[in-house]
Amino acid sequence: MTDLERKVYRIIYNMSRFRKNPTMDDLKRKTGKSEEKIRAAVKSLLMKGELKWDKLSKKWII
């Protein structure tokens, strides 16, 4: 897992557990990275099976 993937994973984990699902603006603000890099990191995490998206409840499964 790269540093950006780890950072995005922790942000999604913490926000979804204690508050809400993070928006792209939340992720951009907290990581300081562009939308393209964040999307690539999330896609990589999904492909590795680290994250899953539940379409019915619209929440991340970690």
Protein backbone atom coordinates (compact mmCIF):
# COMPACT_ATOMS: atom_id res chain seq x y z
CA MET A 1 0.00 0.00 0.00
CA THR A 2 1.44 3.38 -0.97
CA ASP A 3 1.49 6.36 1.37
CA LEU A 4 -1.41 8.02 -0.44
CA GLU A 5 -3.45 4.80 -0.40
CA ARG A 6 -2.80 4.41 3.32
CA LYS A 7 -3.76 8.03 3.99
CA VAL A 8 -6.97 7.79 1.93
CA TYR A 9 -7.84 4.49 3.63
CA ARG A 10 -7.42 5.99 7.11
CA ILE A 11 -9.48 9.07 6.20
CA ILE A 12 -12.30 6.93 4.80
CA TYR A 13 -12.11 4.58 7.80
CA ASN A 14 -12.18 7.33 10.42
CA MET A 15 -14.83 9.46 8.78
CA SER A 16 -17.15 6.57 7.96
CA ARG A 17 -16.86 5.09 11.45
CA PHE A 18 -17.41 8.24 13.42
CA ARG A 19 -19.13 10.75 11.20
CA LYS A 20 -20.03 10.26 7.57
CA ASN A 21 -18.74 9.20 4.19
CA PRO A 22 -16.04 11.64 3.06
CA THR A 23 -16.67 13.73 -0.03
CA MET A 24 -14.09 14.32 -2.73
CA ASP A 25 -13.60 17.82 -1.30
CA ASP A 26 -12.87 16.30 2.13
CA LEU A 27 -10.28 13.97 0.62
CA LYS A 28 -8.66 16.73 -1.43
CA ARG A 29 -8.44 19.01 1.60
CA LYS A 30 -7.06 16.36 3.94
CA THR A 31 -4.54 14.80 1.52
CA GLY A 32 -3.53 17.87 -0.47
CA LYS A 33 -3.63 15.79 -3.65
CA SER A 34 -5.53 16.20 -6.90
CA GLU A 35 -8.80 14.47 -7.68
CA GLU A 36 -7.11 12.22 -10.26
CA LYS A 37 -4.55 10.94 -7.76
CA ILE A 38 -7.22 10.32 -5.12
CA ARG A 39 -9.42 8.45 -7.61
CA ALA A 40 -6.44 6.30 -8.61
CA ALA A 41 -5.70 5.51 -4.96
CA VAL A 42 -9.34 4.60 -4.22
CA LYS A 43 -9.51 2.46 -7.37
CA SER A 44 -6.35 0.66 -6.31
CA LEU A 45 -7.78 0.02 -2.83
CA LEU A 46 -10.97 -1.34 -4.39
CA MET A 47 -9.00 -3.63 -6.72
CA LYS A 48 -6.89 -4.93 -3.81
CA GLY A 49 -10.02 -5.66 -1.80
CA GLU A 50 -9.14 -3.26 1.00
CA LEU A 51 -12.34 -1.25 0.45
CA LYS A 52 -15.79 -2.18 -0.79
CA TRP A 53 -18.76 0.06 -1.59
CA ASP A 54 -22.21 -1.11 -0.54
CA LYS A 55 -24.59 0.32 -3.13
CA LEU A 56 -27.72 -0.33 -1.09
CA SER A 57 -26.69 1.46 2.09
CA LYS A 58 -24.27 3.82 0.26
CA LYS A 59 -21.49 3.19 2.77
CA TRP A 60 -17.91 1.94 2.67
CA ILE A 61 -17.25 -1.57 3.92
CA ILE A 62 -13.83 -1.79 5.50
